[in-house]
Amino acid sequence: MLAAVMEKLTDKPLPCAVDFVAFNGEEYFGVPGQLGYLDALRAETSLPDLVINVDGVGHRGSRNVGQPHGDRGRADAHPGRYY
């Protein structure tokens, strides 16, 4: 699913930066890749306006598709990006 979205957005002009990040091992807190990404994100001056968490997709019997997380105030400040 992530690769399909990446392919659709290839060569499309976007009004903001987009990071595609695949994590594994959520039950194991000591995953260095995840922690490194989070440390780098914390060091940036601005946080993401929107995060889409795709979790449990493909798990037998799961009805999960995805779950967006965002700051409505930040999204409203840039309505052309999201609406």
N, C-alpha and C. Protein backbone atom coordinates (compact mmCIF):
# COMPACT_ATOMS: atom_id res chain seq x y z
N MET A 1 0.81 -1.18 0.00
CA MET A 1 0.00 0.00 0.00
C MET A 1 0.87 1.26 0.00
N LEU A 2 1.89 1.27 0.82
CA LEU A 2 2.77 2.43 0.89
C LEU A 2 3.45 2.66 -0.45
N ALA A 3 3.92 1.61 -1.07
CA ALA A 3 4.58 1.74 -2.37
C ALA A 3 3.62 2.26 -3.43
N ALA A 4 2.36 1.86 -3.39
CA ALA A 4 1.37 2.33 -4.36
C ALA A 4 1.12 3.83 -4.21
N VAL A 5 1.05 4.31 -2.99
CA VAL A 5 0.85 5.74 -2.76
C VAL A 5 2.08 6.51 -3.22
N MET A 6 3.26 5.98 -2.92
CA MET A 6 4.49 6.63 -3.36
C MET A 6 4.52 6.74 -4.88
N GLU A 7 4.13 5.69 -5.56
CA GLU A 7 4.12 5.70 -7.02
C GLU A 7 3.15 6.74 -7.57
N LYS A 8 1.98 6.84 -6.96
CA LYS A 8 0.97 7.82 -7.42
C LYS A 8 1.47 9.26 -7.26
N LEU A 9 2.27 9.51 -6.24
CA LEU A 9 2.74 10.87 -5.98
C LEU A 9 4.04 11.21 -6.70
N THR A 10 4.65 10.24 -7.34
CA THR A 10 5.90 10.48 -8.05
C THR A 10 5.69 11.54 -9.12
N ASP A 11 6.57 12.51 -9.15
CA ASP A 11 6.58 13.58 -10.15
C ASP A 11 5.36 14.49 -10.08
N LYS A 12 4.63 14.48 -8.99
CA LYS A 12 3.51 15.40 -8.82
C LYS A 12 3.98 16.57 -7.95
N PRO A 13 3.65 17.79 -8.36
CA PRO A 13 4.02 18.93 -7.51
C PRO A 13 3.17 18.95 -6.25
N LEU A 14 3.82 18.99 -5.12
CA LEU A 14 3.11 18.99 -3.84
C LEU A 14 3.43 20.28 -3.09
N PRO A 15 2.46 20.81 -2.34
CA PRO A 15 2.69 22.06 -1.62
C PRO A 15 3.47 21.89 -0.32
N CYS A 16 3.88 20.66 -0.03
CA CYS A 16 4.60 20.42 1.22
C CYS A 16 5.49 19.20 1.04
N ALA A 17 6.40 19.04 1.97
CA ALA A 17 7.28 17.87 1.95
C ALA A 17 6.51 16.64 2.42
N VAL A 18 6.84 15.50 1.86
CA VAL A 18 6.19 14.24 2.23
C VAL A 18 7.27 13.23 2.57
N ASP A 19 7.17 12.64 3.76
CA ASP A 19 8.06 11.55 4.16
C ASP A 19 7.26 10.27 4.18
N PHE A 20 7.79 9.23 3.56
CA PHE A 20 7.20 7.90 3.65
C PHE A 20 8.12 7.08 4.54
N VAL A 21 7.61 6.61 5.65
CA VAL A 21 8.43 5.91 6.62
C VAL A 21 7.75 4.61 7.01
N ALA A 22 8.42 3.50 6.80
CA ALA A 22 7.88 2.20 7.19
C ALA A 22 8.62 1.72 8.43
N PHE A 23 7.88 1.46 9.48
CA PHE A 23 8.45 0.97 10.72
C PHE A 23 8.05 -0.48 10.94
N ASN A 24 8.87 -1.18 11.69
CA ASN A 24 8.59 -2.56 12.04
C ASN A 24 9.00 -2.75 13.50
N GLY A 25 8.37 -3.67 14.16
CA GLY A 25 8.78 -4.00 15.51
C GLY A 25 8.25 -3.09 16.58
N GLU A 26 6.99 -2.68 16.46
CA GLU A 26 6.45 -1.74 17.44
C GLU A 26 6.43 -2.29 18.86
N GLU A 27 6.43 -3.60 19.00
CA GLU A 27 6.44 -4.18 20.33
C GLU A 27 7.83 -4.15 20.97
N TYR A 28 8.81 -3.80 20.18
CA TYR A 28 10.19 -3.75 20.66
C TYR A 28 10.65 -2.30 20.64
N PHE A 29 10.78 -1.68 21.80
CA PHE A 29 11.08 -0.25 21.88
C PHE A 29 12.48 0.11 21.41
N GLY A 30 13.40 -0.81 21.43
CA GLY A 30 14.79 -0.49 21.11
C GLY A 30 15.13 -0.53 19.64
N VAL A 31 14.20 -0.27 18.76
CA VAL A 31 14.46 -0.31 17.32
C VAL A 31 15.22 0.96 16.92
N PRO A 32 16.49 0.84 16.53
CA PRO A 32 17.31 2.03 16.31
C PRO A 32 16.85 2.90 15.13
N GLY A 33 16.31 2.30 14.08
CA GLY A 33 15.84 3.10 12.94
C GLY A 33 14.68 4.01 13.32
N GLN A 34 13.72 3.45 14.02
CA GLN A 34 12.57 4.24 14.46
C GLN A 34 13.00 5.34 15.40
N LEU A 35 13.83 5.00 16.37
CA LEU A 35 14.27 5.99 17.35
C LEU A 35 15.11 7.08 16.69
N GLY A 36 15.94 6.71 15.73
CA GLY A 36 16.74 7.69 15.00
C GLY A 36 15.87 8.66 14.22
N TYR A 37 14.84 8.14 13.57
CA TYR A 37 13.92 9.00 12.82
C TYR A 37 13.21 9.97 13.77
N LEU A 38 12.74 9.46 14.89
CA LEU A 38 12.05 10.32 15.86
C LEU A 38 12.98 11.38 16.43
N ASP A 39 14.22 11.02 16.70
CA ASP A 39 15.19 12.01 17.19
C ASP A 39 15.42 13.11 16.16
N ALA A 40 15.56 12.72 14.89
CA ALA A 40 15.75 13.71 13.83
C ALA A 40 14.52 14.59 13.68
N LEU A 41 13.35 14.01 13.81
CA LEU A 41 12.11 14.77 13.71
C LEU A 41 12.00 15.78 14.84
N ARG A 42 12.36 15.38 16.04
CA ARG A 42 12.32 16.29 17.19
C ARG A 42 13.29 17.45 17.02
N ALA A 43 14.39 17.22 16.32
CA ALA A 43 15.40 18.26 16.13
C ALA A 43 14.97 19.30 15.09
N GLU A 44 14.00 18.97 14.25
CA GLU A 44 13.54 19.92 13.24
C GLU A 44 12.75 21.04 13.90
N THR A 45 12.67 22.16 13.20
CA THR A 45 11.96 23.31 13.77
C THR A 45 10.45 23.18 13.67
N SER A 46 9.97 22.34 12.77
CA SER A 46 8.52 22.18 12.65
C SER A 46 8.15 20.70 12.62
N LEU A 47 7.02 20.40 13.19
CA LEU A 47 6.52 19.03 13.20
C LEU A 47 5.63 18.79 11.98
N PRO A 48 5.37 17.55 11.65
CA PRO A 48 4.49 17.27 10.51
C PRO A 48 3.09 17.82 10.75
N ASP A 49 2.46 18.28 9.67
CA ASP A 49 1.07 18.74 9.76
C ASP A 49 0.12 17.56 9.80
N LEU A 50 0.52 16.44 9.23
CA LEU A 50 -0.37 15.29 9.16
C LEU A 50 0.45 14.01 9.18
N VAL A 51 -0.03 13.03 9.91
CA VAL A 51 0.58 11.69 9.95
C VAL A 51 -0.53 10.70 9.64
N ILE A 52 -0.27 9.79 8.73
CA ILE A 52 -1.23 8.72 8.45
C ILE A 52 -0.59 7.41 8.88
N ASN A 53 -1.18 6.80 9.86
CA ASN A 53 -0.68 5.55 10.41
C ASN A 53 -1.44 4.39 9.77
N VAL A 54 -0.76 3.58 9.00
CA VAL A 54 -1.37 2.42 8.38
C VAL A 54 -0.90 1.21 9.18
N ASP A 55 -1.76 0.70 10.03
CA ASP A 55 -1.37 -0.34 10.97
C ASP A 55 -2.35 -1.50 10.90
N GLY A 56 -1.85 -2.68 10.83
CA GLY A 56 -2.71 -3.85 10.83
C GLY A 56 -3.29 -4.21 9.48
N VAL A 57 -2.90 -3.48 8.44
CA VAL A 57 -3.40 -3.80 7.10
C VAL A 57 -2.83 -5.14 6.69
N GLY A 58 -3.67 -6.01 6.21
CA GLY A 58 -3.23 -7.33 5.80
C GLY A 58 -3.30 -8.36 6.91
N HIS A 59 -3.59 -7.93 8.12
CA HIS A 59 -3.73 -8.86 9.23
C HIS A 59 -5.06 -9.58 9.07
N ARG A 60 -5.03 -10.87 9.10
CA ARG A 60 -6.24 -11.68 8.89
C ARG A 60 -7.37 -11.26 9.84
N GLY A 61 -8.51 -10.94 9.25
CA GLY A 61 -9.68 -10.54 10.02
C GLY A 61 -9.70 -9.07 10.42
N SER A 62 -8.65 -8.34 10.09
CA SER A 62 -8.57 -6.93 10.46
C SER A 62 -9.42 -6.09 9.52
N ARG A 63 -10.05 -5.08 10.08
CA ARG A 63 -10.80 -4.12 9.27
C ARG A 63 -10.05 -2.78 9.23
N ASN A 64 -8.86 -2.76 9.76
CA ASN A 64 -8.06 -1.54 9.76
C ASN A 64 -7.64 -1.18 8.35
N VAL A 65 -7.75 0.08 8.04
CA VAL A 65 -7.27 0.59 6.76
C VAL A 65 -6.19 1.62 7.01
N GLY A 66 -6.43 2.52 7.90
CA GLY A 66 -5.47 3.55 8.24
C GLY A 66 -6.08 4.47 9.27
N GLN A 67 -5.26 5.27 9.88
CA GLN A 67 -5.75 6.19 10.89
C GLN A 67 -4.96 7.48 10.78
N PRO A 68 -5.63 8.59 10.41
CA PRO A 68 -4.91 9.86 10.31
C PRO A 68 -4.77 10.51 11.68
N HIS A 69 -3.65 11.16 11.88
CA HIS A 69 -3.40 11.94 13.09
C HIS A 69 -2.93 13.31 12.62
N GLY A 70 -3.51 14.35 13.15
CA GLY A 70 -3.06 15.67 12.73
C GLY A 70 -3.52 16.74 13.69
N ASP A 71 -3.11 17.93 13.39
CA ASP A 71 -3.46 19.10 14.17
C ASP A 71 -4.40 19.93 13.32
N ARG A 72 -5.67 19.97 13.68
CA ARG A 72 -6.68 20.66 12.86
C ARG A 72 -6.32 22.13 12.65
N GLY A 73 -5.80 22.77 13.67
CA GLY A 73 -5.42 24.17 13.54
C GLY A 73 -4.34 24.37 12.49
N ARG A 74 -3.38 23.47 12.45
CA ARG A 74 -2.32 23.58 11.44
C ARG A 74 -2.86 23.29 10.06
N ALA A 75 -3.77 22.33 9.95
CA ALA A 75 -4.37 22.03 8.65
C ALA A 75 -5.22 23.20 8.17
N ASP A 76 -5.97 23.83 9.07
CA ASP A 76 -6.80 24.97 8.69
C ASP A 76 -5.96 26.17 8.26
N ALA A 77 -4.74 26.26 8.77
CA ALA A 77 -3.86 27.35 8.37
C ALA A 77 -3.38 27.20 6.93
N HIS A 78 -3.48 26.01 6.38
CA HIS A 78 -3.06 25.72 5.00
C HIS A 78 -4.16 24.95 4.29
N PRO A 79 -5.35 25.54 4.10
CA PRO A 79 -6.49 24.77 3.57
C PRO A 79 -6.25 24.20 2.18
N GLY A 80 -5.44 24.83 1.37
CA GLY A 80 -5.19 24.31 0.03
C GLY A 80 -4.44 23.00 0.02
N ARG A 81 -3.77 22.68 1.10
CA ARG A 81 -3.00 21.45 1.16
C ARG A 81 -3.86 20.21 1.36
N TYR A 82 -4.93 20.35 2.12
CA TYR A 82 -5.63 19.16 2.60
C TYR A 82 -7.08 19.06 2.16
N TYR A 83 -7.64 20.13 1.61
CA TYR A 83 -9.07 20.09 1.28
C TYR A 83 -9.28 20.23 -0.21
